Amino acid sequence: MEGSDFTETLSCAGCMNNIGNDDYVCALNQNWHKDCFRCSVCDVGLTTWYFEKEGLLFCRDDYWMRFGESCHQCAQVITGPVMAAGSHRYHPECFSCCSCAAHIEDGQSYALHERSRLYW
């Protein structure tokens, strides 16, 4: 409105203080001071790359540690392509025979013994 003194005040979802003229991030339909836009687990500052679950903010590492699947072979979190055998998940490079350690490629036949051991 021309001639009006009305200015919208934005509140930070992190600290609840007025954002004023500070730089801010708009995420999850809320506004955040850049310094308040942080991982809910490790408190590292986030950029525009972040993960969200149930309204909480996460950095990549903490999101995958909490919600990612672990490789049945090496127990590390799987963040990329996955190979599945029964109810187990594997990194493609970990998908190998437990007897001879031969790598099992996508599409190759294998046997799953006792629901957890791969054989080629």
PDB file of N, CA and C in Angstrom:
ATOM      1  N   MET A   1       0.838  -1.185   0.000  1.00  0.00           N
ATOM      2  CA  MET A   1       0.000   0.000   0.000  1.00  0.00           C
ATOM      3  C   MET A   1       0.874   1.235   0.000  1.00  0.00           C
ATOM      4  N   GLU A   2       0.602   2.125  -0.875  1.00  0.00           N
ATOM      5  CA  GLU A   2       1.374   3.349  -0.975  1.00  0.00           C
ATOM      6  C   GLU A   2       1.088   4.228   0.235  1.00  0.00           C
ATOM      7  N   GLY A   3       2.137   4.769   0.815  1.00  0.00           N
ATOM      8  CA  GLY A   3       1.991   5.674   1.948  1.00  0.00           C
ATOM      9  C   GLY A   3       1.744   4.967   3.265  1.00  0.00           C
ATOM     10  N   SER A   4       1.780   3.638   3.272  1.00  0.00           N
ATOM     11  CA  SER A   4       1.521   2.894   4.500  1.00  0.00           C
ATOM     12  C   SER A   4       2.831   2.630   5.224  1.00  0.00           C
ATOM     13  N   ASP A   5       2.772   2.571   6.540  1.00  0.00           N
ATOM     14  CA  ASP A   5       3.940   2.234   7.346  1.00  0.00           C
ATOM     15  C   ASP A   5       3.987   0.734   7.640  1.00  0.00           C
ATOM     16  N   PHE A   6       3.072  -0.024   7.050  1.00  0.00           N
ATOM     17  CA  PHE A   6       2.985  -1.458   7.308  1.00  0.00           C
ATOM     18  C   PHE A   6       4.157  -2.192   6.660  1.00  0.00           C
ATOM     19  N   THR A   7       4.884  -2.941   7.452  1.00  0.00           N
ATOM     20  CA  THR A   7       5.909  -3.846   6.930  1.00  0.00           C
ATOM     21  C   THR A   7       5.707  -5.193   7.612  1.00  0.00           C
ATOM     22  N   GLU A   8       5.797  -6.246   6.835  1.00  0.00           N
ATOM     23  CA  GLU A   8       5.612  -7.583   7.384  1.00  0.00           C
ATOM     24  C   GLU A   8       6.823  -7.943   8.236  1.00  0.00           C
ATOM     25  N   THR A   9       6.584  -8.446   9.435  1.00  0.00           N
ATOM     26  CA  THR A   9       7.680  -8.901  10.278  1.00  0.00           C
ATOM     27  C   THR A   9       7.743 -10.424  10.195  1.00  0.00           C
ATOM     28  N   LEU A  10       8.929 -10.918   9.952  1.00  0.00           N
ATOM     29  CA  LEU A  10       9.136 -12.355   9.857  1.00  0.00           C
ATOM     30  C   LEU A  10       9.787 -12.850  11.129  1.00  0.00           C
ATOM     31  N   SER A  11       9.286 -13.957  11.654  1.00  0.00           N
ATOM     32  CA  SER A  11       9.880 -14.570  12.836  1.00  0.00           C
ATOM     33  C   SER A  11      10.643 -15.815  12.419  1.00  0.00           C
ATOM     34  N   CYS A  12      11.761 -16.042  13.064  1.00  0.00           N
ATOM     35  CA  CYS A  12      12.595 -17.211  12.796  1.00  0.00           C
ATOM     36  C   CYS A  12      11.982 -18.438  13.479  1.00  0.00           C
ATOM     37  N   ALA A  13      11.834 -19.534  12.735  1.00  0.00           N
ATOM     38  CA  ALA A  13      11.293 -20.769  13.294  1.00  0.00           C
ATOM     39  C   ALA A  13      12.270 -21.424  14.265  1.00  0.00           C
ATOM     40  N   GLY A  14      13.549 -21.072  14.185  1.00  0.00           N
ATOM     41  CA  GLY A  14      14.544 -21.658  15.073  1.00  0.00           C
ATOM     42  C   GLY A  14      14.627 -20.979  16.423  1.00  0.00           C
ATOM     43  N   CYS A  15      14.796 -19.660  16.417  1.00  0.00           N
ATOM     44  CA  CYS A  15      14.981 -18.916  17.670  1.00  0.00           C
ATOM     45  C   CYS A  15      13.760 -18.102  18.070  1.00  0.00           C
ATOM     46  N   MET A  16      12.781 -18.013  17.180  1.00  0.00           N
ATOM     47  CA  MET A  16      11.532 -17.275  17.387  1.00  0.00           C
ATOM     48  C   MET A  16      11.713 -15.757  17.422  1.00  0.00           C
ATOM     49  N   ASN A  17      12.918 -15.274  17.188  1.00  0.00           N
ATOM     50  CA  ASN A  17      13.159 -13.832  17.162  1.00  0.00           C
ATOM     51  C   ASN A  17      12.803 -13.263  15.793  1.00  0.00           C
ATOM     52  N   ASN A  18      12.649 -11.950  15.752  1.00  0.00           N
ATOM     53  CA  ASN A  18      12.355 -11.238  14.516  1.00  0.00           C
ATOM     54  C   ASN A  18      13.557 -11.359  13.573  1.00  0.00           C
ATOM     55  N   ILE A  19      13.295 -11.640  12.314  1.00  0.00           N
ATOM     56  CA  ILE A  19      14.371 -11.753  11.329  1.00  0.00           C
ATOM     57  C   ILE A  19      14.870 -10.378  10.911  1.00  0.00           C
ATOM     58  N   GLY A  20      13.996  -9.412  10.871  1.00  0.00           N
ATOM     59  CA  GLY A  20      14.397  -8.053  10.515  1.00  0.00           C
ATOM     60  C   GLY A  20      15.028  -8.004   9.138  1.00  0.00           C
ATOM     61  N   ASN A  21      16.197  -7.375   9.036  1.00  0.00           N
ATOM     62  CA  ASN A  21      16.907  -7.247   7.764  1.00  0.00           C
ATOM     63  C   ASN A  21      17.971  -8.323   7.570  1.00  0.00           C
ATOM     64  N   ASP A  22      18.017  -9.302   8.477  1.00  0.00           N
ATOM     65  CA  ASP A  22      19.009 -10.374   8.382  1.00  0.00           C
ATOM     66  C   ASP A  22      18.719 -11.277   7.182  1.00  0.00           C
ATOM     67  N   ASP A  23      19.772 -11.943   6.687  1.00  0.00           N
ATOM     68  CA  ASP A  23      19.580 -12.953   5.649  1.00  0.00           C
ATOM     69  C   ASP A  23      18.814 -14.123   6.257  1.00  0.00           C
ATOM     70  N   TYR A  24      17.951 -14.723   5.450  1.00  0.00           N
ATOM     71  CA  TYR A  24      17.184 -15.846   5.977  1.00  0.00           C
ATOM     72  C   TYR A  24      16.912 -16.883   4.903  1.00  0.00           C
ATOM     73  N   VAL A  25      16.499 -18.059   5.368  1.00  0.00           N
ATOM     74  CA  VAL A  25      16.173 -19.188   4.508  1.00  0.00           C
ATOM     75  C   VAL A  25      14.690 -19.484   4.692  1.00  0.00           C
ATOM     76  N   CYS A  26      14.013 -19.777   3.614  1.00  0.00           N
ATOM     77  CA  CYS A  26      12.611 -20.185   3.681  1.00  0.00           C
ATOM     78  C   CYS A  26      12.563 -21.683   3.382  1.00  0.00           C
ATOM     79  N   ALA A  27      12.156 -22.486   4.366  1.00  0.00           N
ATOM     80  CA  ALA A  27      12.074 -23.937   4.200  1.00  0.00           C
ATOM     81  C   ALA A  27      10.964 -24.474   5.084  1.00  0.00           C
ATOM     82  N   LEU A  28      10.317 -25.506   4.638  1.00  0.00           N
ATOM     83  CA  LEU A  28       9.221 -26.143   5.382  1.00  0.00           C
ATOM     84  C   LEU A  28       8.113 -25.147   5.695  1.00  0.00           C
ATOM     85  N   ASN A  29       7.890 -24.229   4.771  1.00  0.00           N
ATOM     86  CA  ASN A  29       6.876 -23.174   4.938  1.00  0.00           C
ATOM     87  C   ASN A  29       7.139 -22.288   6.149  1.00  0.00           C
ATOM     88  N   GLN A  30       8.403 -22.160   6.516  1.00  0.00           N
ATOM     89  CA  GLN A  30       8.805 -21.304   7.628  1.00  0.00           C
ATOM     90  C   GLN A  30      10.039 -20.515   7.221  1.00  0.00           C
ATOM     91  N   ASN A  31      10.329 -19.475   7.991  1.00  0.00           N
ATOM     92  CA  ASN A  31      11.514 -18.647   7.756  1.00  0.00           C
ATOM     93  C   ASN A  31      12.519 -18.897   8.869  1.00  0.00           C
ATOM     94  N   TRP A  32      13.793 -18.889   8.517  1.00  0.00           N
ATOM     95  CA  TRP A  32      14.869 -19.202   9.462  1.00  0.00           C
ATOM     96  C   TRP A  32      16.022 -18.226   9.254  1.00  0.00           C
ATOM     97  N   HIS A  33      16.608 -17.711  10.350  1.00  0.00           N
ATOM     98  CA  HIS A  33      17.902 -17.048  10.208  1.00  0.00           C
ATOM     99  C   HIS A  33      18.848 -18.083   9.611  1.00  0.00           C
ATOM    100  N   LYS A  34      19.772 -17.659   8.792  1.00  0.00           N
ATOM    101  CA  LYS A  34      20.731 -18.621   8.228  1.00  0.00           C
ATOM    102  C   LYS A  34      21.480 -19.360   9.333  1.00  0.00           C
ATOM    103  N   ASP A  35      21.804 -18.665  10.425  1.00  0.00           N
ATOM    104  CA  ASP A  35      22.526 -19.300  11.530  1.00  0.00           C
ATOM    105  C   ASP A  35      21.651 -20.254  12.343  1.00  0.00           C
ATOM    106  N   CYS A  36      20.339 -20.143  12.235  1.00  0.00           N
ATOM    107  CA  CYS A  36      19.417 -21.011  12.981  1.00  0.00           C
ATOM    108  C   CYS A  36      18.982 -22.233  12.174  1.00  0.00           C
ATOM    109  N   PHE A  37      19.306 -22.259  10.905  1.00  0.00           N
ATOM    110  CA  PHE A  37      18.913 -23.353  10.025  1.00  0.00           C
ATOM    111  C   PHE A  37      19.937 -24.466  10.184  1.00  0.00           C
ATOM    112  N   ARG A  38      19.689 -25.390  11.153  1.00  0.00           N
ATOM    113  CA  ARG A  38      20.683 -26.355  11.587  1.00  0.00           C
ATOM    114  C   ARG A  38      20.098 -27.760  11.689  1.00  0.00           C
ATOM    115  N   CYS A  39      20.980 -28.746  11.610  1.00  0.00           N
ATOM    116  CA  CYS A  39      20.589 -30.146  11.783  1.00  0.00           C
ATOM    117  C   CYS A  39      20.082 -30.356  13.206  1.00  0.00           C
ATOM    118  N   SER A  40      18.960 -31.055  13.345  1.00  0.00           N
ATOM    119  CA  SER A  40      18.375 -31.284  14.662  1.00  0.00           C
ATOM    120  C   SER A  40      19.156 -32.305  15.486  1.00  0.00           C
ATOM    121  N   VAL A  41      20.111 -33.011  14.884  1.00  0.00           N
ATOM    122  CA  VAL A  41      20.899 -34.003  15.609  1.00  0.00           C
ATOM    123  C   VAL A  41      22.279 -33.456  15.986  1.00  0.00           C
ATOM    124  N   CYS A  42      23.059 -33.039  14.993  1.00  0.00           N
ATOM    125  CA  CYS A  42      24.455 -32.646  15.248  1.00  0.00           C
ATOM    126  C   CYS A  42      24.663 -31.137  15.299  1.00  0.00           C
ATOM    127  N   ASP A  43      23.628 -30.368  14.993  1.00  0.00           N
ATOM    128  CA  ASP A  43      23.656 -28.907  15.062  1.00  0.00           C
ATOM    129  C   ASP A  43      24.537 -28.241  14.001  1.00  0.00           C
ATOM    130  N   VAL A  44      24.930 -28.980  12.977  1.00  0.00           N
ATOM    131  CA  VAL A  44      25.708 -28.371  11.899  1.00  0.00           C
ATOM    132  C   VAL A  44      24.789 -27.443  11.097  1.00  0.00           C
ATOM    133  N   GLY A  45      25.351 -26.330  10.629  1.00  0.00           N
ATOM    134  CA  GLY A  45      24.581 -25.411   9.805  1.00  0.00           C
ATOM    135  C   GLY A  45      24.215 -26.060   8.478  1.00  0.00           C
ATOM    136  N   LEU A  46      22.980 -25.844   8.037  1.00  0.00           N
ATOM    137  CA  LEU A  46      22.501 -26.422   6.784  1.00  0.00           C
ATOM    138  C   LEU A  46      22.477 -25.366   5.694  1.00  0.00           C
ATOM    139  N   THR A  47      22.564 -25.805   4.464  1.00  0.00           N
ATOM    140  CA  THR A  47      22.423 -24.921   3.309  1.00  0.00           C
ATOM    141  C   THR A  47      21.039 -25.192   2.723  1.00  0.00           C
ATOM    142  N   THR A  48      20.872 -24.958   1.472  1.00  0.00           N
ATOM    143  CA  THR A  48      19.592 -25.288   0.853  1.00  0.00           C
ATOM    144  C   THR A  48      19.476 -26.791   0.617  1.00  0.00           C
ATOM    145  N   TRP A  49      20.555 -27.548   0.856  1.00  0.00           N
ATOM    146  CA  TRP A  49      20.512 -29.007   0.792  1.00  0.00           C
ATOM    147  C   TRP A  49      20.289 -29.522   2.198  1.00  0.00           C
ATOM    148  N   TYR A  50      19.128 -30.099   2.429  1.00  0.00           N
ATOM    149  CA  TYR A  50      18.810 -30.628   3.750  1.00  0.00           C
ATOM    150  C   TYR A  50      17.791 -31.747   3.588  1.00  0.00           C
ATOM    151  N   PHE A  51      17.613 -32.508   4.650  1.00  0.00           N
ATOM    152  CA  PHE A  51      16.603 -33.559   4.682  1.00  0.00           C
ATOM    153  C   PHE A  51      15.619 -33.212   5.785  1.00  0.00           C
ATOM    154  N   GLU A  52      14.375 -33.612   5.588  1.00  0.00           N
ATOM    155  CA  GLU A  52      13.332 -33.335   6.575  1.00  0.00           C
ATOM    156  C   GLU A  52      12.525 -34.596   6.815  1.00  0.00           C
ATOM    157  N   LYS A  53      12.216 -34.854   8.067  1.00  0.00           N
ATOM    158  CA  LYS A  53      11.330 -35.965   8.423  1.00  0.00           C
ATOM    159  C   LYS A  53      10.542 -35.530   9.642  1.00  0.00           C
ATOM    160  N   GLU A  54       9.219 -35.598   9.531  1.00  0.00           N
ATOM    161  CA  GLU A  54       8.314 -35.251  10.625  1.00  0.00           C
ATOM    162  C   GLU A  54       8.609 -33.867  11.192  1.00  0.00           C
ATOM    163  N   GLY A  55       8.926 -32.927  10.310  1.00  0.00           N
ATOM    164  CA  GLY A  55       9.149 -31.544  10.709  1.00  0.00           C
ATOM    165  C   GLY A  55      10.528 -31.245  11.268  1.00  0.00           C
ATOM    166  N   LEU A  56      11.401 -32.239  11.348  1.00  0.00           N
ATOM    167  CA  LEU A  56      12.759 -32.032  11.851  1.00  0.00           C
ATOM    168  C   LEU A  56      13.730 -31.925  10.683  1.00  0.00           C
ATOM    169  N   LEU A  57      14.743 -31.092  10.852  1.00  0.00           N
ATOM    170  CA  LEU A  57      15.775 -30.885   9.833  1.00  0.00           C
ATOM    171  C   LEU A  57      16.967 -31.792  10.111  1.00  0.00           C
ATOM    172  N   PHE A  58      17.553 -32.339   9.042  1.00  0.00           N
ATOM    173  CA  PHE A  58      18.705 -33.217   9.182  1.00  0.00           C
ATOM    174  C   PHE A  58      19.746 -32.912   8.117  1.00  0.00           C
ATOM    175  N   CYS A  59      21.022 -33.050   8.488  1.00  0.00           N
ATOM    176  CA  CYS A  59      22.086 -33.057   7.488  1.00  0.00           C
ATOM    177  C   CYS A  59      22.046 -34.434   6.821  1.00  0.00           C
ATOM    178  N   ARG A  60      22.746 -34.581   5.735  1.00  0.00           N
ATOM    179  CA  ARG A  60      22.738 -35.832   4.966  1.00  0.00           C
ATOM    180  C   ARG A  60      23.159 -37.024   5.824  1.00  0.00           C
ATOM    181  N   ASP A  61      24.279 -36.891   6.533  1.00  0.00           N
ATOM    182  CA  ASP A  61      24.809 -38.015   7.310  1.00  0.00           C
ATOM    183  C   ASP A  61      23.842 -38.467   8.394  1.00  0.00           C
ATOM    184  N   ASP A  62      23.284 -37.523   9.147  1.00  0.00           N
ATOM    185  CA  ASP A  62      22.368 -37.897  10.229  1.00  0.00           C
ATOM    186  C   ASP A  62      21.057 -38.467   9.702  1.00  0.00           C
ATOM    187  N   TYR A  63      20.591 -37.957   8.573  1.00  0.00           N
ATOM    188  CA  TYR A  63      19.368 -38.511   7.989  1.00  0.00           C
ATOM    189  C   TYR A  63      19.578 -39.977   7.617  1.00  0.00           C
ATOM    190  N   TRP A  64      20.669 -40.259   6.909  1.00  0.00           N
ATOM    191  CA  TRP A  64      20.903 -41.633   6.486  1.00  0.00           C
ATOM    192  C   TRP A  64      21.178 -42.547   7.664  1.00  0.00           C
ATOM    193  N   MET A  65      21.862 -42.059   8.706  1.00  0.00           N
ATOM    194  CA  MET A  65      22.125 -42.883   9.888  1.00  0.00           C
ATOM    195  C   MET A  65      20.824 -43.257  10.596  1.00  0.00           C
ATOM    196  N   ARG A  66      19.864 -42.353  10.632  1.00  0.00           N
ATOM    197  CA  ARG A  66      18.596 -42.622  11.319  1.00  0.00           C
ATOM    198  C   ARG A  66      17.591 -43.366  10.463  1.00  0.00           C
ATOM    199  N   PHE A  67      17.530 -43.038   9.188  1.00  0.00           N
ATOM    200  CA  PHE A  67      16.443 -43.545   8.361  1.00  0.00           C
ATOM    201  C   PHE A  67      16.885 -44.396   7.174  1.00  0.00           C
ATOM    202  N   GLY A  68      18.177 -44.485   6.937  1.00  0.00           N
ATOM    203  CA  GLY A  68      18.664 -45.269   5.809  1.00  0.00           C
ATOM    204  C   GLY A  68      18.754 -46.746   6.152  1.00  0.00           C
ATOM    205  N   GLU A  69      18.912 -47.552   5.133  1.00  0.00           N
ATOM    206  CA  GLU A  69      19.082 -48.985   5.337  1.00  0.00           C
ATOM    207  C   GLU A  69      20.569 -49.306   5.392  1.00  0.00           C
ATOM    208  N   SER A  70      20.919 -50.301   6.191  1.00  0.00           N
ATOM    209  CA  SER A  70      22.308 -50.728   6.308  1.00  0.00           C
ATOM    210  C   SER A  70      22.564 -51.928   5.411  1.00  0.00           C
ATOM    211  N   CYS A  71      23.764 -51.979   4.890  1.00  0.00           N
ATOM    212  CA  CYS A  71      24.197 -53.101   4.067  1.00  0.00           C
ATOM    213  C   CYS A  71      24.357 -54.338   4.957  1.00  0.00           C
ATOM    214  N   HIS A  72      23.786 -55.454   4.527  1.00  0.00           N
ATOM    215  CA  HIS A  72      23.869 -56.697   5.301  1.00  0.00           C
ATOM    216  C   HIS A  72      25.304 -57.221   5.384  1.00  0.00           C
ATOM    217  N   GLN A  73      26.133 -56.895   4.408  1.00  0.00           N
ATOM    218  CA  GLN A  73      27.510 -57.382   4.378  1.00  0.00           C
ATOM    219  C   GLN A  73      28.452 -56.525   5.230  1.00  0.00           C
ATOM    220  N   CYS A  74      28.467 -55.211   4.994  1.00  0.00           N
ATOM    221  CA  CYS A  74      29.456 -54.344   5.662  1.00  0.00           C
ATOM    222  C   CYS A  74      28.868 -53.497   6.789  1.00  0.00           C
ATOM    223  N   ALA A  75      27.554 -53.468   6.922  1.00  0.00           N
ATOM    224  CA  ALA A  75      26.831 -52.725   7.966  1.00  0.00           C
ATOM    225  C   ALA A  75      26.867 -51.207   7.792  1.00  0.00           C
ATOM    226  N   GLN A  76      27.436 -50.711   6.701  1.00  0.00           N
ATOM    227  CA  GLN A  76      27.435 -49.272   6.439  1.00  0.00           C
ATOM    228  C   GLN A  76      26.100 -48.865   5.817  1.00  0.00           C
ATOM    229  N   VAL A  77      25.736 -47.604   5.986  1.00  0.00           N
ATOM    230  CA  VAL A  77      24.478 -47.105   5.441  1.00  0.00           C
ATOM    231  C   VAL A  77      24.542 -47.074   3.919  1.00  0.00           C
ATOM    232  N   ILE A  78      23.458 -47.460   3.277  1.00  0.00           N
ATOM    233  CA  ILE A  78      23.365 -47.448   1.816  1.00  0.00           C
ATOM    234  C   ILE A  78      22.725 -46.134   1.391  1.00  0.00           C
ATOM    235  N   THR A  79      23.448 -45.341   0.618  1.00  0.00           N
ATOM    236  CA  THR A  79      22.916 -44.050   0.166  1.00  0.00           C
ATOM    237  C   THR A  79      22.750 -43.988  -1.345  1.00  0.00           C
ATOM    238  N   GLY A  80      23.102 -45.046  -2.025  1.00  0.00           N
ATOM    239  CA  GLY A  80      23.001 -45.057  -3.484  1.00  0.00           C
ATOM    240  C   GLY A  80      22.270 -46.296  -3.961  1.00  0.00           C
ATOM    241  N   PRO A  81      22.706 -46.845  -5.091  1.00  0.00           N
ATOM    242  CA  PRO A  81      22.061 -48.048  -5.619  1.00  0.00           C
ATOM    243  C   PRO A  81      22.106 -49.186  -4.597  1.00  0.00           C
ATOM    244  N   VAL A  82      21.121 -50.051  -4.663  1.00  0.00           N
ATOM    245  CA  VAL A  82      21.010 -51.140  -3.692  1.00  0.00           C
ATOM    246  C   VAL A  82      20.724 -52.454  -4.413  1.00  0.00           C
ATOM    247  N   MET A  83      21.288 -53.523  -3.891  1.00  0.00           N
ATOM    248  CA  MET A  83      20.975 -54.878  -4.356  1.00  0.00           C
ATOM    249  C   MET A  83      20.168 -55.530  -3.236  1.00  0.00           C
ATOM    250  N   ALA A  84      19.128 -56.269  -3.602  1.00  0.00           N
ATOM    251  CA  ALA A  84      18.266 -56.902  -2.607  1.00  0.00           C
ATOM    252  C   ALA A  84      18.281 -58.411  -2.783  1.00  0.00           C
ATOM    253  N   ALA A  85      18.317 -59.110  -1.656  1.00  0.00           N
ATOM    254  CA  ALA A  85      18.207 -60.567  -1.639  1.00  0.00           C
ATOM    255  C   ALA A  85      17.369 -60.926  -0.420  1.00  0.00           C
ATOM    256  N   GLY A  86      16.189 -61.463  -0.658  1.00  0.00           N
ATOM    257  CA  GLY A  86      15.278 -61.711   0.453  1.00  0.00           C
ATOM    258  C   GLY A  86      14.938 -60.388   1.118  1.00  0.00           C
ATOM    259  N   SER A  87      15.042 -60.334   2.417  1.00  0.00           N
ATOM    260  CA  SER A  87      14.754 -59.092   3.144  1.00  0.00           C
ATOM    261  C   SER A  87      16.015 -58.267   3.396  1.00  0.00           C
ATOM    262  N   HIS A  88      17.147 -58.691   2.851  1.00  0.00           N
ATOM    263  CA  HIS A  88      18.422 -58.011   3.084  1.00  0.00           C
ATOM    264  C   HIS A  88      18.776 -57.073   1.931  1.00  0.00           C
ATOM    265  N   ARG A  89      19.500 -56.009   2.266  1.00  0.00           N
ATOM    266  CA  ARG A  89      19.942 -55.019   1.292  1.00  0.00           C
ATOM    267  C   ARG A  89      21.469 -54.955   1.322  1.00  0.00           C
ATOM    268  N   TYR A  90      22.055 -54.703   0.145  1.00  0.00           N
ATOM    269  CA  TYR A  90      23.513 -54.683  -0.003  1.00  0.00           C
ATOM    270  C   TYR A  90      23.937 -53.526  -0.896  1.00  0.00           C
ATOM    271  N   HIS A  91      25.153 -53.002  -0.655  1.00  0.00           N
ATOM    272  CA  HIS A  91      25.787 -52.157  -1.661  1.00  0.00           C
ATOM    273  C   HIS A  91      26.075 -53.073  -2.856  1.00  0.00           C
ATOM    274  N   PRO A  92      25.995 -52.585  -4.077  1.00  0.00           N
ATOM    275  CA  PRO A  92      26.325 -53.451  -5.222  1.00  0.00           C
ATOM    276  C   PRO A  92      27.715 -54.083  -5.101  1.00  0.00           C
ATOM    277  N   GLU A  93      28.688 -53.336  -4.570  1.00  0.00           N
ATOM    278  CA  GLU A  93      30.049 -53.871  -4.442  1.00  0.00           C
ATOM    279  C   GLU A  93      30.177 -54.900  -3.316  1.00  0.00           C
ATOM    280  N   CYS A  94      29.199 -54.985  -2.425  1.00  0.00           N
ATOM    281  CA  CYS A  94      29.219 -55.956  -1.323  1.00  0.00           C
ATOM    282  C   CYS A  94      28.407 -57.211  -1.635  1.00  0.00           C
ATOM    283  N   PHE A  95      27.739 -57.222  -2.765  1.00  0.00           N
ATOM    284  CA  PHE A  95      26.883 -58.341  -3.152  1.00  0.00           C
ATOM    285  C   PHE A  95      27.769 -59.441  -3.708  1.00  0.00           C
ATOM    286  N   SER A  96      28.241 -60.337  -2.838  1.00  0.00           N
ATOM    287  CA  SER A  96      29.198 -61.365  -3.247  1.00  0.00           C
ATOM    288  C   SER A  96      28.936 -62.677  -2.517  1.00  0.00           C
ATOM    289  N   CYS A  97      29.464 -63.735  -3.079  1.00  0.00           N
ATOM    290  CA  CYS A  97      29.312 -65.079  -2.530  1.00  0.00           C
ATOM    291  C   CYS A  97      30.048 -65.180  -1.193  1.00  0.00           C
ATOM    292  N   CYS A  98      29.375 -65.742  -0.188  1.00  0.00           N
ATOM    293  CA  CYS A  98      30.026 -65.846   1.124  1.00  0.00           C
ATOM    294  C   CYS A  98      31.032 -66.994   1.170  1.00  0.00           C
ATOM    295  N   SER A  99      31.025 -67.876   0.175  1.00  0.00           N
ATOM    296  CA  SER A  99      31.961 -68.990   0.144  1.00  0.00           C
ATOM    297  C   SER A  99      33.247 -68.644  -0.606  1.00  0.00           C
ATOM    298  N   CYS A 100      33.104 -68.117  -1.831  1.00  0.00           N
ATOM    299  CA  CYS A 100      34.292 -67.861  -2.659  1.00  0.00           C
ATOM    300  C   CYS A 100      34.582 -66.372  -2.856  1.00  0.00           C
ATOM    301  N   ALA A 101      33.739 -65.504  -2.348  1.00  0.00           N
ATOM    302  CA  ALA A 101      33.873 -64.044  -2.435  1.00  0.00           C
ATOM    303  C   ALA A 101      33.718 -63.496  -3.854  1.00  0.00           C
ATOM    304  N   ALA A 102      33.227 -64.318  -4.786  1.00  0.00           N
ATOM    305  CA  ALA A 102      32.996 -63.835  -6.152  1.00  0.00           C
ATOM    306  C   ALA A 102      31.887 -62.793  -6.143  1.00  0.00           C
ATOM    307  N   HIS A 103      32.116 -61.714  -6.858  1.00  0.00           N
ATOM    308  CA  HIS A 103      31.120 -60.645  -6.953  1.00  0.00           C
ATOM    309  C   HIS A 103      29.937 -61.133  -7.778  1.00  0.00           C
ATOM    310  N   ILE A 104      28.729 -60.909  -7.297  1.00  0.00           N
ATOM    311  CA  ILE A 104      27.519 -61.316  -8.012  1.00  0.00           C
ATOM    312  C   ILE A 104      26.935 -60.078  -8.673  1.00  0.00           C
ATOM    313  N   GLU A 105      26.900 -60.106  -9.994  1.00  0.00           N
ATOM    314  CA  GLU A 105      26.406 -58.964 -10.769  1.00  0.00           C
ATOM    315  C   GLU A 105      24.882 -58.964 -10.819  1.00  0.00           C
ATOM    316  N   ASP A 106      24.324 -57.811 -11.101  1.00  0.00           N
ATOM    317  CA  ASP A 106      22.885 -57.684 -11.287  1.00  0.00           C
ATOM    318  C   ASP A 106      22.439 -58.620 -12.407  1.00  0.00           C
ATOM    319  N   GLY A 107      21.439 -59.431 -12.150  1.00  0.00           N
ATOM    320  CA  GLY A 107      20.931 -60.363 -13.151  1.00  0.00           C
ATOM    321  C   GLY A 107      21.533 -61.754 -13.076  1.00  0.00           C
ATOM    322  N   GLN A 108      22.661 -61.923 -12.369  1.00  0.00           N
ATOM    323  CA  GLN A 108      23.262 -63.249 -12.228  1.00  0.00           C
ATOM    324  C   GLN A 108      22.471 -64.057 -11.200  1.00  0.00           C
ATOM    325  N   SER A 109      22.456 -65.364 -11.389  1.00  0.00           N
ATOM    326  CA  SER A 109      21.770 -66.255 -10.452  1.00  0.00           C
ATOM    327  C   SER A 109      22.588 -66.398  -9.176  1.00  0.00           C
ATOM    328  N   TYR A 110      21.884 -66.571  -8.071  1.00  0.00           N
ATOM    329  CA  TYR A 110      22.534 -66.808  -6.786  1.00  0.00           C
ATOM    330  C   TYR A 110      21.560 -67.587  -5.917  1.00  0.00           C
ATOM    331  N   ALA A 111      22.055 -68.154  -4.840  1.00  0.00           N
ATOM    332  CA  ALA A 111      21.211 -68.849  -3.873  1.00  0.00           C
ATOM    333  C   ALA A 111      21.301 -68.109  -2.545  1.00  0.00           C
ATOM    334  N   LEU A 112      20.197 -68.031  -1.865  1.00  0.00           N
ATOM    335  CA  LEU A 112      20.144 -67.398  -0.549  1.00  0.00           C
ATOM    336  C   LEU A 112      19.904 -68.509   0.464  1.00  0.00           C
ATOM    337  N   HIS A 113      20.926 -68.822   1.253  1.00  0.00           N
ATOM    338  CA  HIS A 113      20.862 -69.918   2.211  1.00  0.00           C
ATOM    339  C   HIS A 113      20.514 -69.383   3.599  1.00  0.00           C
ATOM    340  N   GLU A 114      19.597 -70.044   4.276  1.00  0.00           N
ATOM    341  CA  GLU A 114      19.162 -69.641   5.620  1.00  0.00           C
ATOM    342  C   GLU A 114      18.751 -68.174   5.666  1.00  0.00           C
ATOM    343  N   ARG A 115      18.175 -67.703   4.569  1.00  0.00           N
ATOM    344  CA  ARG A 115      17.637 -66.341   4.439  1.00  0.00           C
ATOM    345  C   ARG A 115      18.664 -65.226   4.628  1.00  0.00           C
ATOM    346  N   SER A 116      19.957 -65.555   4.646  1.00  0.00           N
ATOM    347  CA  SER A 116      20.920 -64.473   4.850  1.00  0.00           C
ATOM    348  C   SER A 116      22.272 -64.669   4.176  1.00  0.00           C
ATOM    349  N   ARG A 117      22.603 -65.868   3.742  1.00  0.00           N
ATOM    350  CA  ARG A 117      23.930 -66.113   3.165  1.00  0.00           C
ATOM    351  C   ARG A 117      23.821 -66.296   1.657  1.00  0.00           C
ATOM    352  N   LEU A 118      24.582 -65.483   0.933  1.00  0.00           N
ATOM    353  CA  LEU A 118      24.564 -65.530  -0.535  1.00  0.00           C
ATOM    354  C   LEU A 118      25.575 -66.547  -1.057  1.00  0.00           C
ATOM    355  N   TYR A 119      25.150 -67.318  -2.061  1.00  0.00           N
ATOM    356  CA  TYR A 119      26.047 -68.240  -2.754  1.00  0.00           C
ATOM    357  C   TYR A 119      25.865 -68.061  -4.245  1.00  0.00           C
ATOM    358  N   TRP A 120      26.961 -68.150  -4.954  1.00  0.00           N
ATOM    359  CA  TRP A 120      26.936 -67.996  -6.414  1.00  0.00           C
ATOM    360  C   TRP A 120      27.028 -69.318  -7.070  1.00  0.00           C
TER     361      TRP A 120
END
